[in-house]
N, C-alpha and C. Protein backbone atom coordinates (compact mmCIF):
# COMPACT_ATOMS: atom_id res chain seq x y z
N MET A 1 -88.04 65.71 79.74
CA MET A 1 -86.61 66.04 79.51
C MET A 1 -85.86 66.11 80.85
N LYS A 2 -86.43 66.91 81.80
CA LYS A 2 -85.77 67.08 83.09
C LYS A 2 -85.67 65.74 83.82
N LYS A 3 -86.76 64.95 83.70
CA LYS A 3 -86.79 63.65 84.36
C LYS A 3 -85.67 62.76 83.85
N ILE A 4 -85.45 62.77 82.54
CA ILE A 4 -84.41 61.94 81.95
C ILE A 4 -83.03 62.39 82.42
N LYS A 5 -82.84 63.71 82.53
CA LYS A 5 -81.55 64.22 82.99
C LYS A 5 -81.26 63.75 84.41
N TRP A 6 -82.30 63.78 85.26
CA TRP A 6 -82.11 63.35 86.64
C TRP A 6 -81.81 61.86 86.72
N ILE A 7 -82.49 61.06 85.90
CA ILE A 7 -82.23 59.62 85.87
C ILE A 7 -80.80 59.34 85.43
N ALA A 8 -80.35 60.05 84.39
CA ALA A 8 -78.99 59.86 83.89
C ALA A 8 -77.96 60.24 84.95
N LEU A 9 -78.24 61.34 85.68
CA LEU A 9 -77.33 61.79 86.72
C LEU A 9 -77.25 60.78 87.85
N ILE A 10 -78.40 60.25 88.26
CA ILE A 10 -78.43 59.26 89.33
C ILE A 10 -77.66 58.01 88.94
N MET A 11 -77.84 57.57 87.68
CA MET A 11 -77.12 56.39 87.21
C MET A 11 -75.62 56.61 87.20
N LEU A 12 -75.22 57.81 86.80
CA LEU A 12 -73.79 58.14 86.76
C LEU A 12 -73.19 58.12 88.15
N LEU A 13 -73.89 58.74 89.11
CA LEU A 13 -73.39 58.81 90.49
C LEU A 13 -73.36 57.43 91.11
N THR A 14 -74.35 56.61 90.81
CA THR A 14 -74.39 55.25 91.35
C THR A 14 -73.23 54.43 90.83
N THR A 15 -72.95 54.55 89.53
CA THR A 15 -71.83 53.83 88.92
C THR A 15 -70.51 54.30 89.50
N ALA A 16 -70.38 55.63 89.67
CA ALA A 16 -69.14 56.18 90.20
C ALA A 16 -68.90 55.75 91.63
N GLY A 17 -69.99 55.46 92.37
CA GLY A 17 -69.86 55.11 93.77
C GLY A 17 -69.56 53.64 94.01
N CYS A 18 -69.55 52.82 92.97
CA CYS A 18 -69.33 51.38 93.12
C CYS A 18 -67.92 51.04 92.67
N SER A 19 -67.14 50.49 93.59
CA SER A 19 -65.79 50.07 93.24
C SER A 19 -65.81 48.58 92.94
N THR A 20 -65.26 48.19 91.81
CA THR A 20 -65.26 46.79 91.41
C THR A 20 -63.82 46.33 91.20
N THR A 21 -63.38 45.40 92.05
CA THR A 21 -62.05 44.81 91.91
C THR A 21 -62.20 43.37 91.48
N LYS A 22 -61.49 42.99 90.45
CA LYS A 22 -61.57 41.63 89.94
C LYS A 22 -60.17 41.04 89.80
N ILE A 23 -60.04 39.76 90.14
CA ILE A 23 -58.79 39.05 89.92
C ILE A 23 -58.71 38.66 88.46
N THR A 24 -57.65 39.07 87.79
CA THR A 24 -57.49 38.74 86.38
C THR A 24 -56.64 37.48 86.18
N SER A 25 -55.72 37.21 87.11
CA SER A 25 -54.94 35.97 87.05
C SER A 25 -54.27 35.74 88.40
N SER A 26 -54.00 34.48 88.71
CA SER A 26 -53.30 34.16 89.96
C SER A 26 -52.50 32.87 89.77
N TRP A 27 -51.48 32.72 90.60
CA TRP A 27 -50.60 31.56 90.54
C TRP A 27 -50.17 31.20 91.95
N SER A 28 -50.03 29.92 92.22
CA SER A 28 -49.49 29.48 93.50
C SER A 28 -48.50 28.35 93.25
N ALA A 29 -47.50 28.26 94.10
CA ALA A 29 -46.46 27.26 93.92
C ALA A 29 -47.06 25.85 94.04
N PRO A 30 -46.70 24.96 93.15
CA PRO A 30 -47.23 23.59 93.21
C PRO A 30 -46.74 22.86 94.46
N ASN A 31 -47.60 22.01 94.98
CA ASN A 31 -47.27 21.20 96.16
C ASN A 31 -46.96 22.04 97.40
N ASN A 32 -47.49 23.26 97.43
CA ASN A 32 -47.26 24.10 98.59
C ASN A 32 -48.12 23.63 99.77
N THR A 33 -47.53 23.63 100.95
CA THR A 33 -48.24 23.24 102.16
C THR A 33 -48.45 24.46 103.05
N SER A 34 -49.68 24.67 103.48
CA SER A 34 -49.98 25.82 104.34
C SER A 34 -49.17 25.73 105.63
N ARG A 35 -48.69 26.87 106.08
CA ARG A 35 -47.95 26.91 107.33
C ARG A 35 -48.29 28.19 108.08
N ILE A 36 -47.94 28.20 109.34
CA ILE A 36 -48.18 29.38 110.17
C ILE A 36 -46.97 30.30 110.08
N TYR A 37 -47.22 31.56 109.78
CA TYR A 37 -46.14 32.55 109.76
C TYR A 37 -46.24 33.41 111.00
N LYS A 38 -45.10 33.65 111.62
CA LYS A 38 -45.09 34.41 112.87
C LYS A 38 -45.30 35.91 112.65
N LYS A 39 -44.75 36.41 111.55
CA LYS A 39 -44.83 37.85 111.30
C LYS A 39 -44.77 38.11 109.80
N ILE A 40 -45.82 38.73 109.27
CA ILE A 40 -45.89 39.03 107.84
C ILE A 40 -45.76 40.54 107.63
N MET A 41 -44.88 40.92 106.74
CA MET A 41 -44.73 42.33 106.42
C MET A 41 -45.43 42.64 105.10
N VAL A 42 -46.22 43.70 105.09
CA VAL A 42 -46.89 44.16 103.89
C VAL A 42 -46.09 45.32 103.31
N LEU A 43 -45.62 45.14 102.09
CA LEU A 43 -44.74 46.12 101.46
C LEU A 43 -45.40 46.70 100.20
N GLY A 44 -45.78 47.96 100.27
CA GLY A 44 -46.37 48.62 99.12
C GLY A 44 -45.30 49.26 98.25
N LEU A 45 -45.28 48.90 96.98
CA LEU A 45 -44.33 49.47 96.02
C LEU A 45 -45.14 50.32 95.05
N ILE A 46 -45.47 51.51 95.51
CA ILE A 46 -46.40 52.36 94.78
C ILE A 46 -45.76 53.72 94.53
N GLN A 47 -45.47 54.02 93.29
CA GLN A 47 -44.85 55.29 92.93
C GLN A 47 -45.93 56.33 92.61
N GLN A 48 -46.28 57.13 93.58
CA GLN A 48 -47.25 58.20 93.40
C GLN A 48 -46.89 59.37 94.29
N LYS A 49 -47.39 60.53 93.92
CA LYS A 49 -47.15 61.71 94.75
C LYS A 49 -47.84 61.52 96.09
N GLY A 50 -47.10 61.79 97.15
CA GLY A 50 -47.67 61.57 98.47
C GLY A 50 -47.66 60.09 98.81
N TRP A 51 -47.99 59.77 100.06
CA TRP A 51 -47.91 58.38 100.50
C TRP A 51 -49.27 57.83 100.94
N THR A 52 -50.33 58.58 100.71
CA THR A 52 -51.64 58.18 101.20
C THR A 52 -52.08 56.83 100.66
N LEU A 53 -51.97 56.61 99.37
CA LEU A 53 -52.41 55.37 98.76
C LEU A 53 -51.64 54.18 99.31
N ARG A 54 -50.34 54.32 99.42
CA ARG A 54 -49.52 53.22 99.95
C ARG A 54 -49.91 52.91 101.40
N GLU A 55 -50.06 53.94 102.21
CA GLU A 55 -50.44 53.74 103.61
C GLU A 55 -51.76 53.00 103.73
N ARG A 56 -52.76 53.43 102.95
CA ARG A 56 -54.09 52.83 103.04
C ARG A 56 -54.07 51.37 102.56
N MET A 57 -53.37 51.11 101.47
CA MET A 57 -53.31 49.74 100.95
C MET A 57 -52.65 48.81 101.97
N GLU A 58 -51.58 49.26 102.59
CA GLU A 58 -50.90 48.45 103.59
C GLU A 58 -51.77 48.26 104.83
N GLU A 59 -52.38 49.33 105.30
CA GLU A 59 -53.20 49.27 106.51
C GLU A 59 -54.36 48.29 106.38
N HIS A 60 -55.08 48.37 105.27
CA HIS A 60 -56.23 47.49 105.10
C HIS A 60 -55.80 46.03 104.94
N PHE A 61 -54.69 45.80 104.26
CA PHE A 61 -54.19 44.44 104.09
C PHE A 61 -53.81 43.86 105.46
N ILE A 62 -53.17 44.68 106.27
CA ILE A 62 -52.78 44.25 107.62
C ILE A 62 -54.02 43.89 108.44
N GLY A 63 -55.06 44.71 108.31
CA GLY A 63 -56.29 44.43 109.04
C GLY A 63 -56.89 43.08 108.67
N ASP A 64 -56.86 42.75 107.39
CA ASP A 64 -57.42 41.47 106.94
C ASP A 64 -56.55 40.29 107.38
N LEU A 65 -55.24 40.47 107.42
CA LEU A 65 -54.35 39.42 107.92
C LEU A 65 -54.54 39.23 109.42
N THR A 66 -54.72 40.32 110.14
CA THR A 66 -54.94 40.27 111.58
C THR A 66 -56.23 39.52 111.90
N ASP A 67 -57.25 39.70 111.06
CA ASP A 67 -58.52 39.00 111.26
C ASP A 67 -58.36 37.49 111.18
N LEU A 68 -57.31 37.04 110.47
CA LEU A 68 -57.03 35.60 110.38
C LEU A 68 -56.16 35.12 111.53
N GLY A 69 -55.71 36.06 112.36
CA GLY A 69 -54.89 35.68 113.50
C GLY A 69 -53.40 35.88 113.31
N TYR A 70 -53.01 36.49 112.21
CA TYR A 70 -51.59 36.71 111.94
C TYR A 70 -51.12 38.03 112.53
N THR A 71 -49.84 38.06 112.88
CA THR A 71 -49.19 39.31 113.24
C THR A 71 -48.65 39.91 111.94
N ALA A 72 -49.10 41.10 111.61
CA ALA A 72 -48.69 41.73 110.36
C ALA A 72 -48.26 43.16 110.62
N ILE A 73 -47.25 43.61 109.88
CA ILE A 73 -46.75 44.96 110.06
C ILE A 73 -46.69 45.69 108.72
N SER A 74 -46.73 47.00 108.81
CA SER A 74 -46.65 47.85 107.63
C SER A 74 -45.19 48.25 107.40
N SER A 75 -44.70 48.01 106.20
CA SER A 75 -43.35 48.43 105.86
C SER A 75 -43.20 49.94 106.00
N PHE A 76 -44.25 50.65 105.59
CA PHE A 76 -44.21 52.11 105.64
C PHE A 76 -44.04 52.60 107.07
N LYS A 77 -44.82 52.03 107.99
CA LYS A 77 -44.76 52.47 109.39
C LYS A 77 -43.53 51.95 110.11
N GLU A 78 -43.10 50.75 109.73
CA GLU A 78 -41.97 50.13 110.41
C GLU A 78 -40.64 50.75 110.01
N TYR A 79 -40.48 51.03 108.71
CA TYR A 79 -39.19 51.50 108.22
C TYR A 79 -39.22 52.88 107.58
N GLY A 80 -40.39 53.39 107.27
CA GLY A 80 -40.46 54.66 106.55
C GLY A 80 -40.60 54.45 105.05
N PRO A 81 -40.91 55.51 104.32
CA PRO A 81 -41.19 55.37 102.88
C PRO A 81 -39.99 55.00 102.01
N LYS A 82 -38.76 55.28 102.47
CA LYS A 82 -37.59 55.03 101.62
C LYS A 82 -36.55 54.16 102.33
N ALA A 83 -37.03 53.25 103.15
CA ALA A 83 -36.13 52.45 103.99
C ALA A 83 -35.18 51.57 103.20
N PHE A 84 -35.62 51.07 102.04
CA PHE A 84 -34.80 50.13 101.27
C PHE A 84 -34.09 50.78 100.08
N ASP A 85 -34.26 52.08 99.95
CA ASP A 85 -33.60 52.79 98.85
C ASP A 85 -32.08 52.70 98.99
N GLY A 86 -31.41 52.32 97.94
CA GLY A 86 -29.95 52.28 97.95
C GLY A 86 -29.37 51.02 98.57
N MET A 87 -30.22 50.12 99.08
CA MET A 87 -29.73 48.89 99.71
C MET A 87 -29.55 47.80 98.65
N ASP A 88 -28.58 46.93 98.89
CA ASP A 88 -28.48 45.75 98.03
C ASP A 88 -29.37 44.65 98.61
N GLU A 89 -29.50 43.56 97.89
CA GLU A 89 -30.42 42.48 98.30
C GLU A 89 -30.07 41.91 99.67
N LYS A 90 -28.81 41.67 99.90
CA LYS A 90 -28.38 41.05 101.16
C LYS A 90 -28.72 41.94 102.35
N ALA A 91 -28.46 43.23 102.23
CA ALA A 91 -28.71 44.17 103.33
C ALA A 91 -30.21 44.31 103.60
N ALA A 92 -31.01 44.35 102.53
CA ALA A 92 -32.46 44.50 102.69
C ALA A 92 -33.06 43.27 103.36
N ILE A 93 -32.64 42.08 102.94
CA ILE A 93 -33.17 40.84 103.51
C ILE A 93 -32.76 40.71 104.97
N GLU A 94 -31.54 41.08 105.27
CA GLU A 94 -31.07 41.02 106.64
C GLU A 94 -31.86 41.97 107.54
N LYS A 95 -32.16 43.14 107.02
CA LYS A 95 -32.93 44.13 107.78
C LYS A 95 -34.33 43.60 108.08
N ILE A 96 -34.94 42.96 107.09
CA ILE A 96 -36.28 42.40 107.26
C ILE A 96 -36.27 41.26 108.27
N LYS A 97 -35.33 40.34 108.14
CA LYS A 97 -35.26 39.19 109.03
C LYS A 97 -34.96 39.60 110.47
N ASN A 98 -34.19 40.66 110.64
CA ASN A 98 -33.87 41.14 111.98
C ASN A 98 -35.09 41.67 112.71
N SER A 99 -36.14 41.95 111.96
CA SER A 99 -37.40 42.41 112.57
C SER A 99 -38.31 41.24 112.91
N GLY A 100 -37.84 40.02 112.66
CA GLY A 100 -38.63 38.84 112.96
C GLY A 100 -39.63 38.48 111.88
N VAL A 101 -39.49 39.11 110.73
CA VAL A 101 -40.41 38.86 109.62
C VAL A 101 -40.02 37.56 108.91
N ASP A 102 -41.00 36.66 108.74
CA ASP A 102 -40.71 35.41 108.04
C ASP A 102 -41.51 35.28 106.74
N ALA A 103 -42.28 36.32 106.38
CA ALA A 103 -43.00 36.33 105.10
C ALA A 103 -43.27 37.78 104.70
N VAL A 104 -43.24 38.02 103.41
CA VAL A 104 -43.50 39.37 102.88
C VAL A 104 -44.51 39.27 101.76
N ILE A 105 -45.48 40.16 101.79
CA ILE A 105 -46.39 40.27 100.66
C ILE A 105 -46.28 41.68 100.09
N THR A 106 -46.07 41.76 98.81
CA THR A 106 -45.91 43.06 98.15
C THR A 106 -47.22 43.50 97.50
N ILE A 107 -47.39 44.80 97.40
CA ILE A 107 -48.51 45.39 96.68
C ILE A 107 -47.93 46.36 95.66
N VAL A 108 -48.06 46.03 94.40
CA VAL A 108 -47.46 46.84 93.34
C VAL A 108 -48.55 47.44 92.45
N LEU A 109 -48.45 48.75 92.23
CA LEU A 109 -49.35 49.40 91.28
C LEU A 109 -48.70 49.31 89.90
N LEU A 110 -49.20 48.38 89.08
CA LEU A 110 -48.61 48.16 87.76
C LEU A 110 -48.91 49.30 86.80
N ASP A 111 -50.14 49.80 86.87
CA ASP A 111 -50.55 50.84 85.93
C ASP A 111 -51.81 51.53 86.46
N LYS A 112 -51.98 52.75 86.04
CA LYS A 112 -53.17 53.53 86.37
C LYS A 112 -53.57 54.28 85.11
N LYS A 113 -54.79 54.03 84.64
CA LYS A 113 -55.24 54.63 83.40
C LYS A 113 -56.55 55.39 83.58
N LYS A 114 -56.62 56.52 82.91
CA LYS A 114 -57.88 57.26 82.86
C LYS A 114 -58.47 57.10 81.46
N GLU A 115 -59.70 56.68 81.41
CA GLU A 115 -60.36 56.47 80.13
C GLU A 115 -61.66 57.27 80.07
N THR A 116 -61.88 57.90 78.92
CA THR A 116 -63.10 58.67 78.71
C THR A 116 -64.01 57.90 77.77
N ARG A 117 -65.26 57.73 78.19
CA ARG A 117 -66.20 57.03 77.32
C ARG A 117 -67.47 57.86 77.15
N TYR A 118 -68.13 57.62 76.07
CA TYR A 118 -69.35 58.37 75.73
C TYR A 118 -70.58 57.57 76.12
N VAL A 119 -71.46 58.19 76.87
CA VAL A 119 -72.73 57.57 77.26
C VAL A 119 -73.80 58.10 76.33
N SER A 120 -74.40 57.21 75.56
CA SER A 120 -75.38 57.62 74.56
C SER A 120 -76.60 58.28 75.19
N GLY A 121 -77.17 59.24 74.44
CA GLY A 121 -78.38 59.90 74.89
C GLY A 121 -79.59 59.01 74.71
N GLN A 122 -80.75 59.53 75.07
CA GLN A 122 -81.98 58.75 74.98
C GLN A 122 -83.05 59.52 74.22
N TYR A 123 -84.01 58.78 73.74
CA TYR A 123 -85.17 59.40 73.10
C TYR A 123 -86.34 59.40 74.08
N GLN A 124 -87.03 60.51 74.11
CA GLN A 124 -88.25 60.58 74.90
C GLN A 124 -89.43 60.64 73.94
N TYR A 125 -90.37 59.74 74.13
CA TYR A 125 -91.53 59.68 73.24
C TYR A 125 -92.73 60.37 73.90
N ASN A 126 -93.44 61.17 73.09
CA ASN A 126 -94.64 61.85 73.58
C ASN A 126 -95.86 60.97 73.36
N SER A 127 -96.51 60.60 74.44
CA SER A 127 -97.71 59.77 74.32
C SER A 127 -98.97 60.64 74.18
N ASN A 128 -98.84 61.90 74.54
CA ASN A 128 -100.00 62.80 74.45
C ASN A 128 -100.07 63.45 73.07
N PHE A 129 -101.24 63.37 72.43
CA PHE A 129 -101.40 63.90 71.07
C PHE A 129 -101.08 65.38 70.98
N TRP A 130 -101.60 66.18 71.93
CA TRP A 130 -101.44 67.62 71.82
C TRP A 130 -99.99 68.05 72.07
N ASP A 131 -99.32 67.32 72.98
CA ASP A 131 -97.90 67.60 73.20
C ASP A 131 -97.12 67.36 71.91
N TYR A 132 -97.52 66.29 71.24
CA TYR A 132 -96.85 65.96 69.98
C TYR A 132 -97.08 67.03 68.93
N VAL A 133 -98.30 67.48 68.80
CA VAL A 133 -98.62 68.50 67.81
C VAL A 133 -97.92 69.81 68.15
N GLY A 134 -97.93 70.15 69.44
CA GLY A 134 -97.32 71.42 69.85
C GLY A 134 -95.83 71.44 69.61
N MET A 135 -95.17 70.32 69.82
CA MET A 135 -93.72 70.27 69.65
C MET A 135 -93.34 69.88 68.23
N ARG A 136 -94.33 69.41 67.45
CA ARG A 136 -94.12 69.06 66.04
C ARG A 136 -93.11 67.94 65.85
N ASN A 137 -92.91 67.18 66.88
CA ASN A 137 -91.96 66.08 66.76
C ASN A 137 -92.33 65.02 67.78
N ALA A 138 -92.44 63.80 67.33
CA ALA A 138 -92.82 62.72 68.24
C ALA A 138 -91.66 62.28 69.12
N ARG A 139 -90.45 62.66 68.77
CA ARG A 139 -89.30 62.23 69.54
C ARG A 139 -88.46 63.43 69.95
N ILE A 140 -88.10 63.45 71.19
CA ILE A 140 -87.21 64.51 71.70
C ILE A 140 -85.91 63.83 72.10
N TYR A 141 -84.81 64.31 71.58
CA TYR A 141 -83.53 63.66 71.81
C TYR A 141 -82.82 64.30 73.00
N GLU A 142 -82.41 63.45 73.93
CA GLU A 142 -81.62 63.89 75.08
C GLU A 142 -80.15 63.66 74.75
N PRO A 143 -79.33 64.71 74.67
CA PRO A 143 -77.93 64.55 74.27
C PRO A 143 -77.17 63.63 75.22
N GLY A 144 -76.17 62.95 74.69
CA GLY A 144 -75.33 62.11 75.52
C GLY A 144 -74.29 62.93 76.25
N TYR A 145 -73.37 62.25 76.96
CA TYR A 145 -72.36 62.95 77.73
C TYR A 145 -71.13 62.05 77.88
N TYR A 146 -70.02 62.67 78.25
CA TYR A 146 -68.78 61.93 78.43
C TYR A 146 -68.49 61.76 79.92
N VAL A 147 -67.94 60.60 80.29
CA VAL A 147 -67.51 60.37 81.67
C VAL A 147 -66.07 59.87 81.64
N THR A 148 -65.29 60.29 82.63
CA THR A 148 -63.91 59.86 82.75
C THR A 148 -63.79 58.89 83.92
N GLU A 149 -63.26 57.70 83.68
CA GLU A 149 -63.16 56.67 84.70
C GLU A 149 -61.70 56.23 84.84
N THR A 150 -61.34 55.88 86.07
CA THR A 150 -59.96 55.48 86.36
C THR A 150 -59.89 53.98 86.62
N LYS A 151 -58.90 53.34 86.04
CA LYS A 151 -58.67 51.92 86.25
C LYS A 151 -57.29 51.72 86.88
N TYR A 152 -57.25 50.89 87.92
CA TYR A 152 -55.99 50.56 88.58
C TYR A 152 -55.66 49.09 88.32
N PHE A 153 -54.40 48.82 87.98
CA PHE A 153 -53.96 47.46 87.74
C PHE A 153 -52.91 47.11 88.80
N TRP A 154 -53.21 46.07 89.60
CA TRP A 154 -52.38 45.73 90.75
C TRP A 154 -51.75 44.35 90.61
N GLU A 155 -50.67 44.15 91.36
CA GLU A 155 -50.06 42.82 91.49
C GLU A 155 -49.56 42.65 92.92
N SER A 156 -49.78 41.48 93.48
CA SER A 156 -49.25 41.15 94.80
C SER A 156 -48.50 39.82 94.73
N ASN A 157 -47.34 39.77 95.37
CA ASN A 157 -46.54 38.55 95.46
C ASN A 157 -46.31 38.20 96.92
N PHE A 158 -46.36 36.92 97.25
CA PHE A 158 -46.13 36.46 98.62
C PHE A 158 -44.86 35.64 98.65
N TYR A 159 -43.90 36.05 99.51
CA TYR A 159 -42.60 35.38 99.61
C TYR A 159 -42.40 34.79 101.00
N ASP A 160 -41.92 33.57 101.02
CA ASP A 160 -41.48 32.95 102.27
C ASP A 160 -40.04 33.38 102.49
N MET A 161 -39.78 34.14 103.55
CA MET A 161 -38.45 34.70 103.75
C MET A 161 -37.44 33.67 104.25
N THR A 162 -37.91 32.53 104.71
CA THR A 162 -36.99 31.47 105.15
C THR A 162 -36.24 30.92 103.95
N THR A 163 -36.98 30.73 102.86
CA THR A 163 -36.37 30.20 101.63
C THR A 163 -36.24 31.27 100.54
N GLN A 164 -36.85 32.45 100.80
CA GLN A 164 -36.88 33.56 99.85
C GLN A 164 -37.55 33.16 98.53
N SER A 165 -38.49 32.25 98.62
CA SER A 165 -39.15 31.74 97.41
C SER A 165 -40.54 32.35 97.26
N LEU A 166 -40.96 32.50 96.01
CA LEU A 166 -42.29 33.02 95.69
C LEU A 166 -43.29 31.88 95.80
N LEU A 167 -44.31 32.08 96.63
CA LEU A 167 -45.33 31.06 96.83
C LEU A 167 -46.65 31.41 96.15
N TYR A 168 -46.84 32.70 95.86
CA TYR A 168 -48.15 33.12 95.35
C TYR A 168 -48.01 34.45 94.62
N SER A 169 -48.75 34.58 93.53
CA SER A 169 -48.77 35.84 92.78
C SER A 169 -50.18 36.04 92.23
N VAL A 170 -50.65 37.30 92.27
CA VAL A 170 -52.01 37.59 91.81
C VAL A 170 -52.04 38.96 91.13
N GLN A 171 -52.81 39.06 90.07
CA GLN A 171 -52.99 40.33 89.37
C GLN A 171 -54.48 40.68 89.38
N THR A 172 -54.77 41.96 89.60
CA THR A 172 -56.16 42.41 89.67
C THR A 172 -56.35 43.71 88.90
N LYS A 173 -57.63 44.02 88.67
CA LYS A 173 -58.00 45.28 88.05
C LYS A 173 -59.12 45.91 88.87
N THR A 174 -58.94 47.17 89.24
CA THR A 174 -59.97 47.91 89.96
C THR A 174 -60.55 48.96 89.03
N PHE A 175 -61.86 48.94 88.88
CA PHE A 175 -62.54 49.81 87.94
C PHE A 175 -63.31 50.90 88.68
N ALA A 176 -62.98 52.15 88.39
CA ALA A 176 -63.71 53.32 88.92
C ALA A 176 -63.94 53.25 90.42
N PRO A 177 -62.88 53.23 91.25
CA PRO A 177 -63.08 53.21 92.70
C PRO A 177 -63.69 54.52 93.19
N SER A 178 -64.57 54.42 94.18
CA SER A 178 -65.21 55.61 94.71
C SER A 178 -64.27 56.39 95.63
N SER A 179 -63.30 55.69 96.24
CA SER A 179 -62.34 56.35 97.12
C SER A 179 -61.16 55.43 97.36
N THR A 180 -60.08 56.01 97.88
CA THR A 180 -58.91 55.21 98.23
C THR A 180 -59.25 54.20 99.31
N GLU A 181 -60.07 54.62 100.27
CA GLU A 181 -60.46 53.75 101.37
C GLU A 181 -61.20 52.52 100.87
N SER A 182 -62.20 52.73 100.02
CA SER A 182 -63.00 51.60 99.54
C SER A 182 -62.16 50.65 98.69
N MET A 183 -61.28 51.21 97.86
CA MET A 183 -60.42 50.37 97.03
C MET A 183 -59.46 49.55 97.88
N SER A 184 -58.86 50.17 98.88
CA SER A 184 -57.91 49.48 99.75
C SER A 184 -58.60 48.37 100.53
N HIS A 185 -59.79 48.67 101.04
CA HIS A 185 -60.54 47.70 101.82
C HIS A 185 -60.93 46.50 100.96
N GLU A 186 -61.43 46.76 99.79
CA GLU A 186 -61.88 45.71 98.88
C GLU A 186 -60.71 44.85 98.42
N TYR A 187 -59.57 45.51 98.13
CA TYR A 187 -58.40 44.78 97.63
C TYR A 187 -57.87 43.81 98.69
N GLY A 188 -57.68 44.32 99.90
CA GLY A 188 -57.15 43.47 100.97
C GLY A 188 -58.00 42.25 101.22
N GLN A 189 -59.31 42.46 101.33
CA GLN A 189 -60.22 41.34 101.57
C GLN A 189 -60.16 40.30 100.46
N MET A 190 -60.18 40.76 99.22
CA MET A 190 -60.20 39.85 98.09
C MET A 190 -58.94 39.00 98.01
N ILE A 191 -57.78 39.63 98.21
CA ILE A 191 -56.52 38.90 98.08
C ILE A 191 -56.34 37.90 99.22
N VAL A 192 -56.67 38.31 100.43
CA VAL A 192 -56.53 37.41 101.57
C VAL A 192 -57.45 36.20 101.41
N ARG A 193 -58.67 36.42 100.95
CA ARG A 193 -59.59 35.29 100.71
C ARG A 193 -59.02 34.34 99.65
N ASN A 194 -58.45 34.92 98.60
CA ASN A 194 -57.90 34.09 97.54
C ASN A 194 -56.67 33.31 98.02
N MET A 195 -55.89 33.91 98.91
CA MET A 195 -54.73 33.22 99.47
C MET A 195 -55.17 32.06 100.34
N GLN A 196 -56.30 32.22 101.04
CA GLN A 196 -56.85 31.10 101.80
C GLN A 196 -57.30 29.98 100.87
N LYS A 197 -57.98 30.37 99.80
CA LYS A 197 -58.48 29.40 98.83
C LYS A 197 -57.34 28.61 98.19
N LYS A 198 -56.20 29.29 97.98
CA LYS A 198 -55.04 28.65 97.37
C LYS A 198 -54.16 27.94 98.40
N HIS A 199 -54.61 27.93 99.67
CA HIS A 199 -53.90 27.27 100.77
C HIS A 199 -52.52 27.87 101.04
N ILE A 200 -52.43 29.17 100.82
CA ILE A 200 -51.20 29.89 101.18
C ILE A 200 -51.27 30.31 102.64
N LEU A 201 -52.45 30.76 103.05
CA LEU A 201 -52.69 31.16 104.43
C LEU A 201 -53.81 30.31 105.02
N ILE A 202 -53.76 30.11 106.32
CA ILE A 202 -54.83 29.41 107.02
C ILE A 202 -55.28 30.27 108.20
N LYS A 203 -56.54 30.15 108.54
CA LYS A 203 -57.10 30.93 109.64
C LYS A 203 -56.57 30.39 110.96
N GLN A 204 -56.10 31.30 111.81
CA GLN A 204 -55.54 30.88 113.09
C GLN A 204 -56.50 31.05 114.26
N LYS A 205 -57.52 31.90 114.05
CA LYS A 205 -58.49 32.11 115.11
C LYS A 205 -59.79 32.60 114.49
N PRO A 206 -60.91 32.43 115.17
CA PRO A 206 -62.19 32.93 114.63
C PRO A 206 -62.14 34.43 114.46
N ILE A 207 -62.76 34.92 113.38
CA ILE A 207 -62.85 36.35 113.15
C ILE A 207 -63.89 36.94 114.09
N GLU A 208 -63.49 37.91 114.87
CA GLU A 208 -64.41 38.54 115.82
C GLU A 208 -65.29 39.53 115.11
N GLU A 209 -66.59 39.39 115.29
CA GLU A 209 -67.54 40.30 114.65
C GLU A 209 -67.60 41.62 115.41
């Protein structure tokens, strides 16, 4: 019985410690030609208490863009958390272009859901005759338990600020992240790789190990 409880606990902790981000859909503009961007701004549009999640998502994305040789900046650090509040489109675009930004990638938290699921219990079988007789039952039932898991649904769009046109859009789902850090790191890497695959971005220099 105790052994089964420990196995169940280990499995639960192992599952909780693994963050899985998957791309659910993506789109890129037809006939798009890869080009070099001088300065890319990462803009997190995340409505949550505090700014930790937005900061981490932007920071990790910037790190992955930098690894490709791009100059990238954080909207949060460059302008503050509410820099574009109350601005019209013309004023916001002018503010961005005045910073030398020629491309923007957004990170939007579409939804965040908590789901509770039931993990079925197990049967333990007694192989020893006397144990069976003593307990009067060949099967001992280990009760199941409930676990609560969080799912994050994200979307990122890449805009060329010269033409203000959308060149790339991607939607993802993150299942049971172990931490904000791991989710941010995994998300940035996955999206940047996919943007390379779709020929939106090209590597400008070797990645330093």
